[in-house]
Amino acid sequence: MTYWRSVFLVIIGACSYGVLSLFLKHGFQIGYTPYELSGSQLIFGGLIMIVMASLFSRERFRFKYLLVLAPVSLMMASTSFFYHQSVSRVSASLAIVLLFQFTWIGVLLESIVDRKWPTIEKWVSLIMLGVGTVLASGLGETGLQNVSLSGLIYGLLSGATFASVIFFSGRILPQMNPYLRSAITISMAGVMLSIVYPPSFLINGQLTSGLLPLALCVAVFGSVIPIFCLAVGVPRIGNGLATILSAIELPTVVLLSSFVLHENVTLTQWGGVLMILAAIGVPQIKWRHLFAPSQPLQKRSM
């Protein structure tokens, strides 16, 4: 797996998580609860990945994996639950802004563990992401009037736990087969969430009355694609860069809102999208080569 393919996979995973918000919004509008949607996301996501792992993984399952990968699953279950709770209490744009706090939390977490201060490129990128996120979400125009406090808290918690998911994806068993790893982590996350909130929707007739198609979509875009892409890409590019690349989720939401839901997107929001995209590209630029392109040639001539 090359560096740029890993970058591409992380971006695909983040975009997929952005698509999830559309299905969540639709699910809440037709009457489903955060418990039903978050449970569906993890339970069906785990089942899908178990099938894929049985077909494509040559690595054998070992019981020790359950203990080693438990922190990843716990943070994954927490992210799903907190984010769904936040979306149900505050606007989708604000919930995404709160989730987006994973950008600086993830970089800070990596800096603390590695005892290494972030590079100037990452600082510039984080500042641009912060400004771009506020603009793209429309929060700068609407403000925080009449906002649910519990929704704010749940949103911030989803950002912290999602940063942990990205961090653990690059640190715990990075060489493990991604199919098997995703199957174990998503399935355990589903079990953990089911212990706290039993999945009654599996037996009360909700699946056959319309929940099943939505549950499968939420599982694919909220668990299968993003978790698999993170399992493959993060160990190869590092936690800090993966955290910044994952910020493409918000532009995905804005684009889908404009072209799929036909919602009005202001010029300010489009400006925020462009700033986020520019911020994602900042760490990829070889600044020394850009400002001193003739240096290698001078050394060769000498």
Protein backbone atom coordinates (compact mmCIF):
# COMPACT_ATOMS: atom_id res chain seq x y z
CA MET A 1 0.00 0.00 0.00
CA THR A 2 1.60 3.26 -1.14
CA TYR A 3 1.51 6.53 0.79
CA TRP A 4 -0.90 8.28 -1.58
CA ARG A 5 -3.26 5.30 -1.71
CA SER A 6 -3.39 5.42 2.09
CA VAL A 7 -4.16 9.15 1.92
CA PHE A 8 -6.93 8.43 -0.59
CA LEU A 9 -8.46 5.72 1.63
CA VAL A 10 -8.55 8.00 4.67
CA ILE A 11 -10.27 10.68 2.58
CA ILE A 12 -12.81 8.12 1.29
CA GLY A 13 -13.50 7.01 4.86
CA ALA A 14 -14.05 10.59 6.00
CA CYS A 15 -16.35 11.32 3.05
CA SER A 16 -18.36 8.21 3.88
CA TYR A 17 -18.81 9.41 7.45
CA GLY A 18 -20.06 12.69 6.00
CA VAL A 19 -22.70 10.83 3.96
CA LEU A 20 -23.89 9.26 7.22
CA SER A 21 -25.33 12.58 8.42
CA LEU A 22 -27.85 12.58 5.55
CA PHE A 23 -29.22 9.18 6.53
CA LEU A 24 -29.32 10.19 10.19
CA LYS A 25 -31.23 13.34 9.35
CA HIS A 26 -33.73 11.33 7.32
CA GLY A 27 -34.04 8.71 10.03
CA PHE A 28 -34.83 11.26 12.74
CA GLN A 29 -37.36 12.99 10.49
CA ILE A 30 -39.36 9.78 10.01
CA GLY A 31 -39.38 8.98 13.71
CA TYR A 32 -36.46 6.68 14.52
CA THR A 33 -34.49 7.25 17.72
CA PRO A 34 -30.73 7.68 18.25
CA TYR A 35 -30.67 4.32 20.02
CA GLU A 36 -32.15 2.52 17.01
CA LEU A 37 -29.86 4.20 14.48
CA SER A 38 -26.65 3.90 16.48
CA GLY A 39 -27.42 0.27 17.31
CA SER A 40 -28.19 -0.47 13.66
CA GLN A 41 -24.97 1.18 12.55
CA LEU A 42 -22.77 -1.03 14.72
CA ILE A 43 -24.70 -4.31 14.73
CA PHE A 44 -25.26 -4.53 10.98
CA GLY A 45 -21.84 -3.02 10.30
CA GLY A 46 -20.28 -5.79 12.37
CA LEU A 47 -22.25 -8.49 10.56
CA ILE A 48 -21.22 -7.12 7.15
CA MET A 49 -17.55 -7.01 8.14
CA ILE A 50 -17.67 -10.54 9.58
CA VAL A 51 -18.84 -11.80 6.19
CA MET A 52 -16.13 -9.81 4.40
CA ALA A 53 -13.44 -11.01 6.81
CA SER A 54 -14.46 -14.64 6.27
CA LEU A 55 -14.09 -14.13 2.51
CA PHE A 56 -10.99 -11.94 2.25
CA SER A 57 -8.92 -12.34 5.42
CA ARG A 58 -6.27 -15.05 5.63
CA GLU A 59 -5.35 -14.12 9.18
CA ARG A 60 -6.81 -16.32 11.89
CA PHE A 61 -8.98 -14.98 14.66
CA ARG A 62 -7.41 -15.08 18.13
CA PHE A 63 -9.20 -14.42 21.39
CA LYS A 64 -6.44 -12.10 22.55
CA TYR A 65 -7.53 -9.68 19.82
CA LEU A 66 -10.75 -9.05 21.74
CA LEU A 67 -8.85 -7.70 24.74
CA VAL A 68 -6.24 -5.76 22.75
CA LEU A 69 -8.81 -4.07 20.47
CA ALA A 70 -11.33 -3.37 23.25
CA PRO A 71 -10.27 0.32 23.61
CA VAL A 72 -10.90 0.90 19.89
CA SER A 73 -14.35 -0.65 20.10
CA LEU A 74 -15.25 1.29 23.23
CA MET A 75 -14.35 4.62 21.59
CA MET A 76 -16.17 3.56 18.40
CA ALA A 77 -19.37 2.74 20.28
CA SER A 78 -19.09 5.98 22.24
CA THR A 79 -18.62 8.06 19.07
CA SER A 80 -21.67 6.53 17.43
CA PHE A 81 -23.87 7.06 20.46
CA PHE A 82 -22.66 10.60 21.30
CA TYR A 83 -22.89 11.84 17.72
CA HIS A 84 -26.39 10.45 17.19
CA GLN A 85 -27.50 12.01 20.47
CA SER A 86 -26.01 15.35 19.44
CA VAL A 87 -27.68 15.34 16.00
CA SER A 88 -31.03 14.63 17.65
CA ARG A 89 -30.70 17.65 19.99
CA VAL A 90 -28.99 20.35 17.91
CA SER A 91 -28.84 21.26 14.24
CA ALA A 92 -26.87 18.97 11.96
CA SER A 93 -24.42 21.77 11.15
CA LEU A 94 -23.66 22.45 14.82
CA ALA A 95 -23.34 18.72 15.57
CA ILE A 96 -20.75 18.44 12.82
CA VAL A 97 -18.85 21.47 14.16
CA LEU A 98 -18.74 19.84 17.59
CA LEU A 99 -17.62 16.53 16.11
CA PHE A 100 -14.93 18.44 14.21
CA GLN A 101 -13.17 19.23 17.46
CA PHE A 102 -11.49 15.86 16.86
CA THR A 103 -9.02 17.69 14.59
CA TRP A 104 -7.15 19.60 17.29
CA ILE A 105 -7.84 16.91 19.92
CA GLY A 106 -6.24 14.28 17.69
CA VAL A 107 -3.15 16.38 16.95
CA LEU A 108 -2.83 17.27 20.65
CA LEU A 109 -3.17 13.62 21.65
CA GLU A 110 -0.46 12.58 19.22
CA SER A 111 1.83 15.37 20.45
CA ILE A 112 1.41 14.34 24.09
CA VAL A 113 2.05 10.65 23.45
CA ASP A 114 5.01 11.23 21.10
CA ARG A 115 6.30 14.18 23.17
CA LYS A 116 6.76 16.08 19.94
CA TRP A 117 5.38 19.55 19.21
CA PRO A 118 3.24 19.76 16.02
CA THR A 119 4.96 21.18 12.95
CA ILE A 120 4.18 24.67 11.69
CA GLU A 121 2.31 23.11 8.76
CA LYS A 122 -0.05 21.32 11.15
CA TRP A 123 -0.65 24.48 13.18
CA VAL A 124 -1.49 26.44 10.04
CA SER A 125 -3.75 23.62 8.88
CA LEU A 126 -5.59 23.44 12.23
CA ILE A 127 -6.22 27.20 12.26
CA MET A 128 -7.55 27.10 8.71
CA LEU A 129 -9.73 24.10 9.60
CA GLY A 130 -11.18 25.94 12.58
CA VAL A 131 -12.10 29.03 10.58
CA GLY A 132 -13.31 27.01 7.60
CA THR A 133 -15.47 24.77 9.80
CA VAL A 134 -17.31 27.73 11.36
CA LEU A 135 -17.88 29.29 7.93
CA ALA A 136 -18.90 26.07 6.14
CA SER A 137 -21.35 25.04 8.84
CA GLY A 138 -23.09 28.42 8.77
CA LEU A 139 -22.54 28.76 12.50
CA GLY A 140 -21.01 32.19 12.03
CA GLU A 141 -24.36 33.45 10.71
CA THR A 142 -26.77 31.63 13.04
CA GLY A 143 -24.78 31.71 16.30
CA LEU A 144 -25.54 29.63 19.40
CA GLN A 145 -28.97 30.98 20.24
CA ASN A 146 -31.37 28.55 21.95
CA VAL A 147 -28.91 25.67 21.72
CA SER A 148 -29.36 22.58 23.87
CA LEU A 149 -26.62 22.25 26.49
CA SER A 150 -26.86 18.46 26.44
CA GLY A 151 -26.50 18.55 22.65
CA LEU A 152 -23.31 20.61 23.00
CA ILE A 153 -21.87 18.18 25.55
CA TYR A 154 -22.73 15.12 23.46
CA GLY A 155 -21.19 16.74 20.38
CA LEU A 156 -17.92 17.56 22.15
CA LEU A 157 -17.76 14.03 23.53
CA SER A 158 -18.23 12.63 20.01
CA GLY A 159 -15.26 14.70 18.84
CA ALA A 160 -13.05 13.47 21.67
CA THR A 161 -13.94 9.81 21.17
CA PHE A 162 -13.59 10.01 17.36
CA ALA A 163 -10.09 11.44 17.82
CA SER A 164 -9.37 8.41 20.00
CA VAL A 165 -10.67 6.04 17.30
CA ILE A 166 -8.24 7.54 14.77
CA PHE A 167 -5.41 7.49 17.33
CA PHE A 168 -5.94 3.85 18.30
CA SER A 169 -6.32 2.82 14.65
CA GLY A 170 -2.69 3.81 14.05
CA ARG A 171 -1.29 2.50 17.33
CA ILE A 172 -2.94 -0.80 18.23
CA LEU A 173 -2.04 -3.79 16.03
CA PRO A 174 -1.30 -1.62 12.96
CA GLN A 175 -0.15 -4.61 10.88
CA MET A 176 -3.29 -6.67 11.49
CA ASN A 177 -5.43 -7.64 8.51
CA PRO A 178 -7.87 -4.72 8.05
CA TYR A 179 -10.85 -6.98 7.28
CA LEU A 180 -10.42 -8.99 10.47
CA ARG A 181 -9.59 -5.91 12.50
CA SER A 182 -12.69 -4.04 11.29
CA ALA A 183 -14.91 -7.06 11.90
CA ILE A 184 -13.70 -7.42 15.48
CA THR A 185 -13.77 -3.75 16.44
CA ILE A 186 -17.18 -2.97 14.93
CA SER A 187 -18.77 -6.16 16.31
CA MET A 188 -17.43 -5.53 19.81
CA ALA A 189 -18.62 -1.94 19.62
CA GLY A 190 -22.09 -3.24 18.74
CA VAL A 191 -22.04 -5.63 21.70
CA MET A 192 -20.88 -2.88 24.07
CA LEU A 193 -23.63 -0.53 22.99
CA SER A 194 -26.22 -3.33 23.17
CA ILE A 195 -25.34 -3.99 26.81
CA VAL A 196 -26.19 -0.40 27.75
CA TYR A 197 -29.09 0.00 25.29
CA PRO A 198 -30.60 -3.37 24.34
CA PRO A 199 -31.44 -3.49 20.60
CA SER A 200 -35.16 -4.06 20.94
CA PHE A 201 -35.62 -2.95 17.31
CA LEU A 202 -34.37 -6.39 16.26
CA ILE A 203 -37.48 -8.12 17.63
CA ASN A 204 -40.23 -5.48 17.88
CA GLY A 205 -41.01 -5.36 14.16
CA GLN A 206 -39.18 -2.11 13.39
CA LEU A 207 -36.86 -3.78 10.88
CA THR A 208 -39.66 -5.14 8.73
CA SER A 209 -41.66 -1.92 8.98
CA GLY A 210 -39.00 0.17 7.24
CA LEU A 211 -35.91 0.36 9.44
CA LEU A 212 -33.88 -2.36 7.68
CA PRO A 213 -32.95 -0.43 4.47
CA LEU A 214 -31.99 2.61 6.50
CA ALA A 215 -30.08 0.45 8.99
CA LEU A 216 -28.01 -1.10 6.20
CA CYS A 217 -27.19 2.33 4.74
CA VAL A 218 -26.20 3.68 8.15
CA ALA A 219 -24.05 0.59 8.76
CA VAL A 220 -22.23 0.80 5.41
CA PHE A 221 -21.52 4.54 5.47
CA GLY A 222 -21.12 4.91 9.22
CA SER A 223 -19.11 1.78 10.09
CA VAL A 224 -18.00 -0.47 7.25
CA ILE A 225 -16.38 2.02 4.85
CA PRO A 226 -14.86 4.53 7.33
CA ILE A 227 -13.55 1.99 9.84
CA PHE A 228 -12.04 -0.23 7.15
CA CYS A 229 -10.40 2.75 5.43
CA LEU A 230 -8.98 4.00 8.73
CA ALA A 231 -7.67 0.53 9.56
CA VAL A 232 -5.78 0.45 6.26
CA GLY A 233 -4.67 4.06 5.89
CA VAL A 234 -3.90 5.46 9.36
CA PRO A 235 -0.98 3.11 10.23
CA ARG A 236 0.76 4.18 7.01
CA ILE A 237 0.37 7.96 7.18
CA GLY A 238 0.23 8.65 10.93
CA ASN A 239 -2.44 9.86 13.30
CA GLY A 240 -1.85 13.59 12.92
CA LEU A 241 -2.17 13.68 9.15
CA ALA A 242 -5.10 11.23 9.20
CA THR A 243 -6.91 13.53 11.64
CA ILE A 244 -6.45 16.53 9.34
CA LEU A 245 -7.48 14.58 6.22
CA SER A 246 -10.64 13.40 7.98
CA ALA A 247 -11.80 17.02 8.07
CA ILE A 248 -13.04 16.56 4.49
CA GLU A 249 -16.19 15.16 6.09
CA LEU A 250 -17.72 18.63 6.48
CA PRO A 251 -17.26 19.70 2.83
CA THR A 252 -18.89 16.40 1.90
CA VAL A 253 -21.93 17.25 4.01
CA VAL A 254 -22.18 20.75 2.52
CA LEU A 255 -21.90 19.46 -1.05
CA LEU A 256 -24.52 16.76 -0.49
CA SER A 257 -26.84 19.24 1.21
CA SER A 258 -26.60 21.50 -1.82
CA PHE A 259 -26.80 19.00 -4.68
CA VAL A 260 -28.85 16.16 -3.13
CA LEU A 261 -31.13 17.88 -0.62
CA HIS A 262 -31.20 21.14 -2.62
CA GLU A 263 -30.64 23.19 0.53
CA ASN A 264 -29.49 26.80 0.22
CA VAL A 265 -25.72 27.08 0.70
CA THR A 266 -24.40 30.62 1.06
CA LEU A 267 -21.21 32.04 -0.42
CA THR A 268 -19.78 32.14 3.10
CA GLN A 269 -20.31 28.40 3.44
CA TRP A 270 -18.70 27.73 0.06
CA GLY A 271 -15.76 29.86 1.19
CA GLY A 272 -15.49 27.70 4.31
CA VAL A 273 -15.47 24.55 2.17
CA LEU A 274 -12.63 25.92 0.05
CA MET A 275 -10.68 26.86 3.17
CA ILE A 276 -11.06 23.35 4.60
CA LEU A 277 -9.88 21.80 1.35
CA ALA A 278 -6.88 24.15 1.33
CA ALA A 279 -6.14 23.29 4.96
CA ILE A 280 -6.11 19.57 4.13
CA GLY A 281 -3.55 20.23 1.40
CA VAL A 282 -1.20 22.31 3.58
CA PRO A 283 0.61 19.36 5.27
CA GLN A 284 1.10 17.71 1.85
CA ILE A 285 3.11 20.58 0.37
CA LYS A 286 6.87 20.30 0.45
CA TRP A 287 7.43 23.89 1.49
CA ARG A 288 11.22 23.76 1.43
CA HIS A 289 11.22 22.50 -2.15
CA LEU A 290 8.56 25.04 -3.09
CA PHE A 291 10.51 28.07 -1.88
CA ALA A 292 13.98 26.75 -2.75
CA PRO A 293 13.53 24.75 -5.97
CA SER A 294 17.01 25.50 -7.27
CA GLN A 295 18.88 24.24 -4.21
CA PRO A 296 19.38 20.65 -5.46
CA LEU A 297 20.65 21.93 -8.78
CA GLN A 298 23.12 24.23 -7.05
CA LYS A 299 24.47 21.39 -4.94
CA ARG A 300 24.88 19.21 -8.02
CA SER A 301 26.80 21.93 -9.87
CA MET A 302 29.16 22.33 -6.92
